[in-house]
Amino acid sequence: MAEVLLRHHLTAAGVPATVSSAGLLPGGQPATSHGQAVMAARGLDLSRHVSRQLAPDLVAGADLVVGMAREHVREVAVMAAGALERTFTLKELVALGERTGPREAGEPLADWLRRVARGRDTKRLLGMGHDPDYDVEDPIGQDRPAYEATADELDDLLDRLVTLVAKEPSP
């Protein structure tokens, strides 16, 4: 859901970007029926989505890696040396970005991420279990209302993220 929602927000903001997703579990699975239905109700298509497992080459080719939970960030940090500076949980990145301020016109994304990371508390990334300040609740195995709640949260967070990073280049 996050992949299709982020692509939607970036397109609406006129930001050309490649968006892809990967997880910690083995790939090859379609989106759940609840996930497909919730996105279809928003006019977004998940019917052709197939999961894939996170791999070092995916991380190496990414300008920004956004995890839904701290465990995702930790796995990326272990998998690819130097990736932590461009890997955040979605909630962490939005909170730090809103505190730091949006990307300046013409500012490279990597420079903005470095500014944002200055206020980072990496020790909080080490905790186990769900942390509501960092982790988006995973609706897998739950009913459709849980998917709706997660989709609403993702939609809000991704809209805020795109607002922070999608600055027009200076004239």
Protein backbone atom coordinates (compact mmCIF):
# COMPACT_ATOMS: atom_id res chain seq x y z
CA MET A 1 0.00 0.00 0.00
CA ALA A 2 2.84 2.40 0.82
CA GLU A 3 4.43 1.92 -2.61
CA VAL A 4 1.29 2.73 -4.59
CA LEU A 5 0.34 5.61 -2.27
CA LEU A 6 3.80 7.18 -2.48
CA ARG A 7 3.83 6.86 -6.27
CA HIS A 8 0.38 8.53 -6.32
CA HIS A 9 1.52 11.48 -4.14
CA LEU A 10 4.73 11.98 -6.11
CA THR A 11 2.83 11.95 -9.42
CA ALA A 12 0.29 14.44 -8.07
CA ALA A 13 3.16 16.73 -7.00
CA GLY A 14 4.80 16.41 -10.42
CA VAL A 15 7.88 14.69 -9.01
CA PRO A 16 9.46 12.13 -11.33
CA ALA A 17 10.71 9.25 -9.20
CA THR A 18 11.05 5.51 -9.23
CA VAL A 19 9.25 3.90 -6.31
CA SER A 20 9.53 0.25 -5.43
CA SER A 21 8.98 -1.86 -2.35
CA ALA A 22 10.56 -4.85 -0.73
CA GLY A 23 10.13 -6.60 2.58
CA LEU A 24 11.92 -8.94 4.94
CA LEU A 25 9.90 -12.05 4.07
CA PRO A 26 10.47 -14.16 0.94
CA GLY A 27 8.88 -12.54 -2.13
CA GLY A 28 6.44 -13.76 -4.73
CA GLN A 29 3.21 -13.03 -2.91
CA PRO A 30 0.38 -10.89 -4.30
CA ALA A 31 -1.09 -8.03 -2.28
CA THR A 32 -3.77 -9.25 0.12
CA SER A 33 -7.39 -9.02 -0.94
CA HIS A 34 -8.03 -6.40 1.78
CA GLY A 35 -5.04 -4.37 0.60
CA GLN A 36 -6.22 -4.52 -3.00
CA ALA A 37 -9.77 -3.54 -2.05
CA VAL A 38 -8.70 -0.64 0.16
CA MET A 39 -6.45 0.76 -2.55
CA ALA A 40 -9.09 0.19 -5.27
CA ALA A 41 -11.53 2.25 -3.19
CA ARG A 42 -8.96 5.08 -3.46
CA GLY A 43 -8.62 4.62 -7.21
CA LEU A 44 -5.24 2.86 -6.94
CA ASP A 45 -4.43 -0.54 -8.43
CA LEU A 46 -2.56 -3.20 -6.44
CA SER A 47 -3.86 -6.14 -8.48
CA ARG A 48 -0.53 -6.76 -10.25
CA HIS A 49 1.67 -6.21 -7.19
CA VAL A 50 3.99 -9.07 -6.25
CA SER A 51 6.13 -8.85 -3.14
CA ARG A 52 9.88 -9.15 -3.24
CA GLN A 53 12.50 -9.64 -0.60
CA LEU A 54 14.89 -6.88 0.36
CA ALA A 55 18.34 -7.39 -1.18
CA PRO A 56 21.62 -5.47 -1.10
CA ASP A 57 21.36 -4.41 -4.76
CA LEU A 58 17.98 -2.76 -4.10
CA VAL A 59 19.44 -0.78 -1.21
CA ALA A 60 22.57 0.16 -3.17
CA GLY A 61 20.50 1.64 -5.99
CA ALA A 62 18.18 3.69 -3.76
CA ASP A 63 18.55 7.40 -3.01
CA LEU A 64 16.19 6.98 -0.05
CA VAL A 65 15.03 3.87 1.79
CA VAL A 66 11.85 4.21 3.85
CA GLY A 67 10.91 1.42 6.22
CA MET A 68 7.54 0.97 7.84
CA ALA A 69 9.16 -0.21 11.08
CA ARG A 70 12.46 -0.03 12.93
CA GLU A 71 13.23 -3.66 12.11
CA HIS A 72 13.32 -2.69 8.42
CA VAL A 73 15.81 0.11 9.07
CA ARG A 74 18.00 -2.19 11.16
CA GLU A 75 18.00 -4.86 8.44
CA VAL A 76 19.02 -2.31 5.79
CA ALA A 77 21.80 -0.97 8.02
CA VAL A 78 23.20 -4.48 8.50
CA MET A 79 22.77 -5.37 4.82
CA ALA A 80 24.47 -2.34 3.29
CA ALA A 81 27.29 -0.40 4.91
CA GLY A 82 26.65 3.34 4.84
CA ALA A 83 22.93 2.99 4.07
CA LEU A 84 21.72 4.19 7.49
CA GLU A 85 22.24 7.85 6.51
CA ARG A 86 19.54 7.46 3.83
CA THR A 87 17.32 4.93 5.59
CA PHE A 88 14.55 5.97 7.97
CA THR A 89 11.21 4.74 9.18
CA LEU A 90 8.43 6.70 7.53
CA LYS A 91 7.26 8.19 10.83
CA GLU A 92 10.82 9.10 11.82
CA LEU A 93 11.56 10.81 8.50
CA VAL A 94 8.35 12.85 8.54
CA ALA A 95 8.84 13.93 12.17
CA LEU A 96 12.50 14.88 11.64
CA GLY A 97 11.72 16.55 8.33
CA GLU A 98 8.95 18.66 9.82
CA ARG A 99 11.26 19.68 12.66
CA THR A 100 14.17 20.45 10.30
CA GLY A 101 12.12 22.08 7.57
CA PRO A 102 11.42 21.21 3.95
CA ARG A 103 14.01 20.68 1.29
CA GLU A 104 15.30 23.96 -0.07
CA ALA A 105 14.71 24.80 -3.73
CA GLY A 106 17.50 23.13 -5.68
CA GLU A 107 18.83 21.27 -2.63
CA PRO A 108 19.89 17.72 -3.47
CA LEU A 109 17.89 15.06 -1.65
CA ALA A 110 21.08 13.64 -0.10
CA ASP A 111 21.91 17.04 1.44
CA TRP A 112 18.41 17.37 2.88
CA LEU A 113 18.62 13.85 4.32
CA ARG A 114 21.93 14.74 6.01
CA ARG A 115 20.31 17.84 7.54
CA VAL A 116 17.34 15.79 8.72
CA ALA A 117 19.58 13.06 10.18
CA ARG A 118 21.42 15.54 12.43
CA GLY A 119 18.54 15.37 14.89
CA ARG A 120 18.27 11.61 14.78
CA ASP A 121 18.15 9.39 17.87
CA THR A 122 19.56 6.17 16.42
CA LYS A 123 19.37 4.43 19.82
CA ARG A 124 15.57 4.36 19.49
CA LEU A 125 15.95 2.32 16.31
CA LEU A 126 17.32 -0.54 18.40
CA GLY A 127 14.18 -1.23 20.44
CA MET A 128 12.14 -4.35 20.00
CA GLY A 129 8.37 -4.57 19.63
CA HIS A 130 6.07 -1.91 18.23
CA ASP A 131 6.98 1.74 18.87
CA PRO A 132 4.10 4.03 17.85
CA ASP A 133 6.53 6.93 17.32
CA TYR A 134 8.51 4.97 14.70
CA ASP A 135 6.48 2.04 13.39
CA VAL A 136 3.43 1.91 11.13
CA GLU A 137 1.11 -0.88 12.25
CA ASP A 138 1.21 -3.84 9.85
CA PRO A 139 -2.37 -4.93 9.02
CA ILE A 140 -1.39 -8.35 7.60
CA GLY A 141 -3.71 -11.00 8.99
CA GLN A 142 -6.22 -8.45 10.27
CA ASP A 143 -9.65 -7.39 9.01
CA ARG A 144 -10.43 -4.73 6.43
CA PRO A 145 -10.90 -1.91 8.98
CA ALA A 146 -7.27 -2.46 10.08
CA TYR A 147 -6.19 -2.05 6.44
CA GLU A 148 -8.30 1.12 6.17
CA ALA A 149 -6.66 2.54 9.29
CA THR A 150 -3.17 1.73 8.02
CA ALA A 151 -3.98 3.17 4.58
CA ASP A 152 -5.25 6.39 6.19
CA GLU A 153 -2.09 6.69 8.26
CA LEU A 154 0.17 5.97 5.27
CA ASP A 155 -1.74 8.42 3.07
CA ASP A 156 -1.29 11.20 5.62
CA LEU A 157 2.40 10.47 6.30
CA LEU A 158 3.29 10.11 2.61
CA ASP A 159 1.48 13.32 1.72
CA ARG A 160 3.48 15.12 4.41
CA LEU A 161 6.72 13.51 3.21
CA VAL A 162 6.16 14.55 -0.41
CA THR A 163 5.38 18.09 0.76
CA LEU A 164 8.75 18.13 2.55
CA VAL A 165 10.86 16.82 -0.33
CA ALA A 166 9.07 18.00 -3.47
CA LYS A 167 10.38 21.54 -3.81
CA GLU A 168 10.32 23.20 -7.20
CA PRO A 169 13.81 23.94 -8.55
CA SER A 170 14.84 27.56 -8.29
CA PRO A 171 14.16 29.61 -11.48
